[in-house]
């Protein structure tokens, strides 16, 4: 799996970002390239539209449960739109939740056998 970052200059322009990601995806001519998006908060509308258009997305820098659930919801809505349009629902996606912040938050609540030495 290859990941190509999206252009940060296009961060606030959903349509142009998706057009660029789709162009890169098609040019890659590989089975599973991903367009990386690390904008915070994650732009759900862009992800819904990107998945609908068939762009595999790698969403990084998710720091909260709410961000992760929002991106998961955006993915599902994009795939549902593909199904409704008669398109293949198989579009890859990766959502990376940062656990380094979570381990401190829950460390004292984990069983001892799960503790990091």
N, C-alpha and C. Protein backbone atom coordinates (compact mmCIF):
# COMPACT_ATOMS: atom_id res chain seq x y z
N UNK A 1 0.84 -1.16 0.00
CA UNK A 1 0.00 0.00 0.00
C UNK A 1 0.89 1.24 0.00
N UNK A 2 0.68 2.12 -0.97
CA UNK A 2 1.41 3.37 -1.07
C UNK A 2 0.52 4.51 -0.61
N UNK A 3 1.11 5.52 0.04
CA UNK A 3 0.34 6.67 0.48
C UNK A 3 0.92 7.93 -0.13
N UNK A 4 0.05 8.75 -0.72
CA UNK A 4 0.44 10.03 -1.30
C UNK A 4 -0.26 11.13 -0.52
N UNK A 5 0.49 12.04 0.11
CA UNK A 5 -0.18 13.11 0.88
C UNK A 5 -0.93 14.07 -0.03
N UNK A 6 -2.06 14.58 0.48
CA UNK A 6 -2.79 15.59 -0.27
C UNK A 6 -2.07 16.93 -0.10
N UNK A 7 -2.25 17.81 -1.06
CA UNK A 7 -1.59 19.11 -1.05
C UNK A 7 -2.19 20.00 0.02
N UNK A 8 -1.39 20.43 0.99
CA UNK A 8 -1.90 21.25 2.08
C UNK A 8 -2.41 22.61 1.60
N UNK A 9 -1.98 23.07 0.42
CA UNK A 9 -2.47 24.32 -0.13
C UNK A 9 -3.94 24.21 -0.55
N UNK A 10 -4.40 22.98 -0.73
CA UNK A 10 -5.79 22.74 -1.13
C UNK A 10 -6.68 22.36 0.05
N UNK A 11 -6.16 22.47 1.25
CA UNK A 11 -6.84 21.96 2.45
C UNK A 11 -8.28 22.44 2.59
N UNK A 12 -8.58 23.65 2.19
CA UNK A 12 -9.93 24.17 2.37
C UNK A 12 -10.77 24.11 1.10
N UNK A 13 -10.27 23.46 0.08
CA UNK A 13 -10.98 23.35 -1.20
C UNK A 13 -11.29 21.88 -1.47
N UNK A 14 -12.45 21.45 -1.02
CA UNK A 14 -12.83 20.03 -1.10
C UNK A 14 -12.82 19.52 -2.53
N UNK A 15 -13.48 20.19 -3.44
CA UNK A 15 -13.60 19.69 -4.81
C UNK A 15 -12.22 19.55 -5.47
N UNK A 16 -11.38 20.58 -5.35
CA UNK A 16 -10.06 20.54 -5.99
C UNK A 16 -9.20 19.45 -5.35
N UNK A 17 -9.30 19.27 -4.03
CA UNK A 17 -8.53 18.22 -3.35
C UNK A 17 -8.94 16.85 -3.87
N UNK A 18 -10.24 16.62 -3.98
CA UNK A 18 -10.72 15.31 -4.45
C UNK A 18 -10.34 15.10 -5.91
N UNK A 19 -10.47 16.13 -6.74
CA UNK A 19 -10.05 16.01 -8.15
C UNK A 19 -8.58 15.64 -8.24
N UNK A 20 -7.74 16.30 -7.43
CA UNK A 20 -6.30 16.01 -7.44
C UNK A 20 -6.03 14.59 -6.95
N UNK A 21 -6.72 14.19 -5.88
CA UNK A 21 -6.53 12.83 -5.34
C UNK A 21 -6.95 11.78 -6.37
N UNK A 22 -8.06 12.01 -7.05
CA UNK A 22 -8.53 11.07 -8.06
C UNK A 22 -7.55 10.97 -9.22
N UNK A 23 -6.99 12.11 -9.63
CA UNK A 23 -6.00 12.13 -10.71
C UNK A 23 -4.74 11.34 -10.28
N UNK A 24 -4.27 11.57 -9.07
CA UNK A 24 -3.08 10.85 -8.56
C UNK A 24 -3.38 9.36 -8.48
N UNK A 25 -4.57 9.01 -7.97
CA UNK A 25 -4.98 7.61 -7.83
C UNK A 25 -4.96 6.91 -9.19
N UNK A 26 -5.53 7.55 -10.20
CA UNK A 26 -5.57 6.95 -11.54
C UNK A 26 -4.18 6.85 -12.16
N UNK A 27 -3.35 7.88 -11.95
CA UNK A 27 -1.99 7.87 -12.51
C UNK A 27 -1.12 6.81 -11.86
N UNK A 28 -1.38 6.51 -10.59
CA UNK A 28 -0.55 5.53 -9.88
C UNK A 28 -0.66 4.16 -10.52
N UNK A 29 -1.84 3.83 -11.03
CA UNK A 29 -2.06 2.55 -11.71
C UNK A 29 -1.55 1.38 -10.87
N UNK A 30 -1.87 1.42 -9.58
CA UNK A 30 -1.49 0.37 -8.65
C UNK A 30 -2.76 -0.10 -7.95
N UNK A 31 -2.72 -1.29 -7.34
CA UNK A 31 -3.95 -1.82 -6.76
C UNK A 31 -4.46 -1.09 -5.51
N UNK A 32 -3.59 -0.46 -4.73
CA UNK A 32 -4.09 0.10 -3.48
C UNK A 32 -3.35 1.36 -3.02
N UNK A 33 -3.28 2.39 -3.88
CA UNK A 33 -2.68 3.64 -3.38
C UNK A 33 -3.69 4.37 -2.50
N UNK A 34 -3.21 5.12 -1.54
CA UNK A 34 -4.08 5.88 -0.65
C UNK A 34 -3.71 7.35 -0.69
N UNK A 35 -4.71 8.20 -0.65
CA UNK A 35 -4.47 9.64 -0.55
C UNK A 35 -4.48 10.00 0.93
N UNK A 36 -3.38 10.51 1.41
CA UNK A 36 -3.23 10.83 2.84
C UNK A 36 -3.83 12.19 3.15
N UNK A 37 -4.61 12.24 4.22
CA UNK A 37 -5.21 13.50 4.66
C UNK A 37 -4.97 13.65 6.16
N UNK A 38 -4.22 14.68 6.53
CA UNK A 38 -3.93 14.90 7.95
C UNK A 38 -4.49 16.20 8.46
N UNK A 39 -5.47 16.73 7.82
CA UNK A 39 -6.06 18.00 8.26
C UNK A 39 -6.89 17.80 9.52
N UNK A 40 -6.79 18.74 10.43
CA UNK A 40 -7.58 18.68 11.67
C UNK A 40 -8.50 19.89 11.77
N UNK A 41 -9.75 19.68 12.17
CA UNK A 41 -10.37 18.37 12.31
C UNK A 41 -10.56 17.74 10.94
N UNK A 42 -10.69 16.42 10.89
CA UNK A 42 -10.83 15.75 9.60
C UNK A 42 -12.07 16.25 8.86
N UNK A 43 -11.91 16.59 7.59
CA UNK A 43 -13.03 17.13 6.81
C UNK A 43 -13.96 16.02 6.32
N UNK A 44 -15.03 15.79 7.03
CA UNK A 44 -15.92 14.67 6.73
C UNK A 44 -16.55 14.77 5.35
N UNK A 45 -16.96 15.96 4.94
CA UNK A 45 -17.59 16.11 3.62
C UNK A 45 -16.63 15.69 2.51
N UNK A 46 -15.36 16.05 2.68
CA UNK A 46 -14.36 15.66 1.67
C UNK A 46 -14.21 14.15 1.62
N UNK A 47 -14.26 13.51 2.75
CA UNK A 47 -14.07 12.06 2.77
C UNK A 47 -15.29 11.34 2.19
N UNK A 48 -16.49 11.83 2.51
CA UNK A 48 -17.70 11.24 1.92
C UNK A 48 -17.62 11.33 0.40
N UNK A 49 -17.28 12.49 -0.10
CA UNK A 49 -17.21 12.71 -1.53
C UNK A 49 -16.08 11.92 -2.17
N UNK A 50 -14.93 11.89 -1.50
CA UNK A 50 -13.79 11.12 -2.02
C UNK A 50 -14.09 9.64 -2.12
N UNK A 51 -14.67 9.08 -1.08
CA UNK A 51 -15.02 7.65 -1.12
C UNK A 51 -16.07 7.39 -2.17
N UNK A 52 -17.04 8.28 -2.30
CA UNK A 52 -18.06 8.11 -3.33
C UNK A 52 -17.42 8.07 -4.71
N UNK A 53 -16.43 8.92 -4.93
CA UNK A 53 -15.77 8.97 -6.25
C UNK A 53 -14.73 7.87 -6.42
N UNK A 54 -14.53 7.05 -5.38
CA UNK A 54 -13.63 5.91 -5.49
C UNK A 54 -12.20 6.17 -5.08
N UNK A 55 -11.95 7.26 -4.35
CA UNK A 55 -10.60 7.60 -3.91
C UNK A 55 -10.31 6.93 -2.57
N UNK A 56 -9.33 6.01 -2.52
CA UNK A 56 -8.93 5.42 -1.24
C UNK A 56 -8.22 6.48 -0.38
N UNK A 57 -8.60 6.55 0.89
CA UNK A 57 -8.09 7.61 1.76
C UNK A 57 -7.41 7.03 3.00
N UNK A 58 -6.30 7.66 3.38
CA UNK A 58 -5.59 7.35 4.62
C UNK A 58 -5.71 8.59 5.49
N UNK A 59 -6.56 8.53 6.50
CA UNK A 59 -6.76 9.67 7.39
C UNK A 59 -5.84 9.49 8.58
N UNK A 60 -4.97 10.47 8.80
CA UNK A 60 -4.00 10.38 9.89
C UNK A 60 -4.28 11.47 10.92
N UNK A 61 -3.57 11.41 12.00
CA UNK A 61 -3.64 12.41 13.07
C UNK A 61 -5.02 12.53 13.70
N UNK A 62 -5.66 11.42 13.94
CA UNK A 62 -6.93 11.42 14.67
C UNK A 62 -6.60 11.31 16.16
N UNK A 63 -7.01 12.31 16.93
CA UNK A 63 -6.66 12.34 18.33
C UNK A 63 -7.83 12.07 19.26
N UNK A 64 -9.02 11.94 18.72
CA UNK A 64 -10.16 11.74 19.61
C UNK A 64 -11.11 10.68 19.05
N UNK A 65 -11.87 10.14 19.94
CA UNK A 65 -12.90 9.17 19.57
C UNK A 65 -13.89 9.82 18.59
N UNK A 66 -14.24 11.07 18.84
CA UNK A 66 -15.20 11.77 18.00
C UNK A 66 -14.68 11.94 16.57
N UNK A 67 -13.39 12.29 16.43
CA UNK A 67 -12.81 12.40 15.09
C UNK A 67 -12.86 11.06 14.38
N UNK A 68 -12.47 10.00 15.09
CA UNK A 68 -12.46 8.67 14.48
C UNK A 68 -13.87 8.26 14.04
N UNK A 69 -14.85 8.42 14.93
CA UNK A 69 -16.23 8.05 14.60
C UNK A 69 -16.77 8.90 13.46
N UNK A 70 -16.41 10.16 13.41
CA UNK A 70 -16.84 11.02 12.31
C UNK A 70 -16.30 10.55 10.97
N UNK A 71 -15.04 10.15 10.95
CA UNK A 71 -14.44 9.65 9.72
C UNK A 71 -15.04 8.31 9.32
N UNK A 72 -15.29 7.45 10.30
CA UNK A 72 -15.94 6.16 10.01
C UNK A 72 -17.32 6.39 9.41
N UNK A 73 -18.05 7.34 9.97
CA UNK A 73 -19.38 7.69 9.45
C UNK A 73 -19.29 8.23 8.02
N UNK A 74 -18.30 9.10 7.76
CA UNK A 74 -18.11 9.65 6.42
C UNK A 74 -17.82 8.54 5.42
N UNK A 75 -16.99 7.57 5.83
CA UNK A 75 -16.67 6.44 4.96
C UNK A 75 -17.94 5.66 4.62
N UNK A 76 -18.73 5.36 5.64
CA UNK A 76 -19.96 4.60 5.41
C UNK A 76 -20.93 5.35 4.50
N UNK A 77 -21.07 6.67 4.70
CA UNK A 77 -21.97 7.45 3.85
C UNK A 77 -21.48 7.44 2.40
N UNK A 78 -20.18 7.56 2.19
CA UNK A 78 -19.62 7.53 0.84
C UNK A 78 -19.87 6.19 0.16
N UNK A 79 -19.68 5.11 0.90
CA UNK A 79 -19.90 3.77 0.35
C UNK A 79 -21.39 3.54 0.08
N UNK A 80 -22.25 4.00 0.98
CA UNK A 80 -23.70 3.88 0.75
C UNK A 80 -24.11 4.62 -0.52
N UNK A 81 -23.54 5.79 -0.74
CA UNK A 81 -23.83 6.53 -1.98
C UNK A 81 -23.36 5.77 -3.21
N UNK A 82 -22.21 5.09 -3.10
CA UNK A 82 -21.72 4.28 -4.23
C UNK A 82 -22.69 3.15 -4.52
N UNK A 83 -23.15 2.47 -3.49
CA UNK A 83 -24.09 1.36 -3.67
C UNK A 83 -25.38 1.87 -4.32
N UNK A 84 -25.90 2.99 -3.81
CA UNK A 84 -27.14 3.56 -4.35
C UNK A 84 -26.98 3.95 -5.82
N UNK A 85 -25.76 4.33 -6.22
CA UNK A 85 -25.50 4.72 -7.60
C UNK A 85 -25.12 3.53 -8.48
N UNK A 86 -25.12 2.33 -7.89
CA UNK A 86 -24.78 1.13 -8.66
C UNK A 86 -23.29 0.96 -8.89
N UNK A 87 -22.47 1.61 -8.07
CA UNK A 87 -21.01 1.51 -8.19
C UNK A 87 -20.46 0.44 -7.25
N UNK A 88 -19.27 -0.04 -7.55
CA UNK A 88 -18.59 -1.02 -6.71
C UNK A 88 -18.30 -0.41 -5.35
N UNK A 89 -18.75 -1.03 -4.26
CA UNK A 89 -18.51 -0.47 -2.93
C UNK A 89 -17.10 -0.70 -2.39
N UNK A 90 -16.26 -1.42 -3.10
CA UNK A 90 -14.93 -1.72 -2.59
C UNK A 90 -13.98 -0.54 -2.80
N UNK A 91 -13.87 0.30 -1.77
CA UNK A 91 -12.94 1.44 -1.76
C UNK A 91 -12.18 1.36 -0.44
N UNK A 92 -10.87 1.31 -0.53
CA UNK A 92 -10.04 1.17 0.67
C UNK A 92 -10.04 2.44 1.51
N UNK A 93 -9.81 2.25 2.79
CA UNK A 93 -9.68 3.39 3.69
C UNK A 93 -8.90 2.97 4.92
N UNK A 94 -8.13 3.90 5.45
CA UNK A 94 -7.40 3.68 6.69
C UNK A 94 -7.63 4.91 7.57
N UNK A 95 -7.92 4.69 8.83
CA UNK A 95 -8.06 5.78 9.78
C UNK A 95 -7.12 5.48 10.95
N UNK A 96 -6.18 6.37 11.18
CA UNK A 96 -5.15 6.12 12.19
C UNK A 96 -5.42 6.96 13.44
N UNK A 97 -5.77 6.28 14.50
CA UNK A 97 -6.02 6.94 15.78
C UNK A 97 -4.73 6.96 16.57
N UNK A 98 -4.33 8.13 17.04
CA UNK A 98 -3.11 8.27 17.83
C UNK A 98 -3.35 7.68 19.21
N UNK A 99 -2.64 6.63 19.56
CA UNK A 99 -2.82 6.01 20.86
C UNK A 99 -1.86 6.54 21.91
N UNK A 100 -0.85 7.25 21.51
CA UNK A 100 0.11 7.73 22.50
C UNK A 100 -0.56 8.63 23.54
N UNK A 101 -1.59 9.30 23.17
CA UNK A 101 -2.31 10.14 24.11
C UNK A 101 -3.30 9.32 24.94
N UNK A 102 -3.78 8.26 24.34
CA UNK A 102 -4.78 7.42 25.02
C UNK A 102 -4.13 6.55 26.09
N UNK A 103 -2.90 6.08 25.85
CA UNK A 103 -2.29 5.18 26.83
C UNK A 103 -2.10 5.89 28.17
N UNK A 104 -1.79 7.16 28.13
CA UNK A 104 -1.67 7.92 29.39
C UNK A 104 -3.04 8.09 30.06
N UNK A 105 -4.05 8.29 29.26
CA UNK A 105 -5.39 8.55 29.80
C UNK A 105 -6.00 7.32 30.45
N UNK A 106 -5.66 6.13 29.93
CA UNK A 106 -6.31 4.92 30.46
C UNK A 106 -5.32 3.96 31.14
N UNK A 107 -4.06 4.32 31.17
CA UNK A 107 -3.03 3.42 31.69
C UNK A 107 -3.30 2.89 33.07
N UNK A 108 -3.80 3.72 33.96
CA UNK A 108 -4.04 3.26 35.33
C UNK A 108 -5.32 2.44 35.45
N UNK A 109 -6.09 2.33 34.38
CA UNK A 109 -7.33 1.54 34.40
C UNK A 109 -7.18 0.19 33.71
N UNK A 110 -6.03 -0.06 33.13
CA UNK A 110 -5.80 -1.33 32.42
C UNK A 110 -5.34 -2.41 33.39
N UNK A 111 -5.67 -3.67 33.08
CA UNK A 111 -5.17 -4.77 33.91
C UNK A 111 -3.65 -4.78 33.92
N UNK A 112 -3.07 -5.23 35.00
CA UNK A 112 -1.61 -5.23 35.15
C UNK A 112 -0.91 -5.99 34.02
N UNK A 113 -1.54 -7.08 33.53
CA UNK A 113 -0.87 -7.86 32.50
C UNK A 113 -0.87 -7.13 31.13
N UNK A 114 -1.54 -6.00 31.04
CA UNK A 114 -1.53 -5.18 29.82
C UNK A 114 -0.56 -4.01 29.93
N UNK A 115 0.00 -3.80 31.09
CA UNK A 115 0.88 -2.65 31.32
C UNK A 115 2.15 -2.78 30.52
N UNK A 116 2.67 -1.64 30.08
CA UNK A 116 3.93 -1.60 29.35
C UNK A 116 5.05 -1.47 30.36
N UNK A 117 6.04 -2.33 30.21
CA UNK A 117 7.17 -2.33 31.16
C UNK A 117 8.10 -1.19 30.90
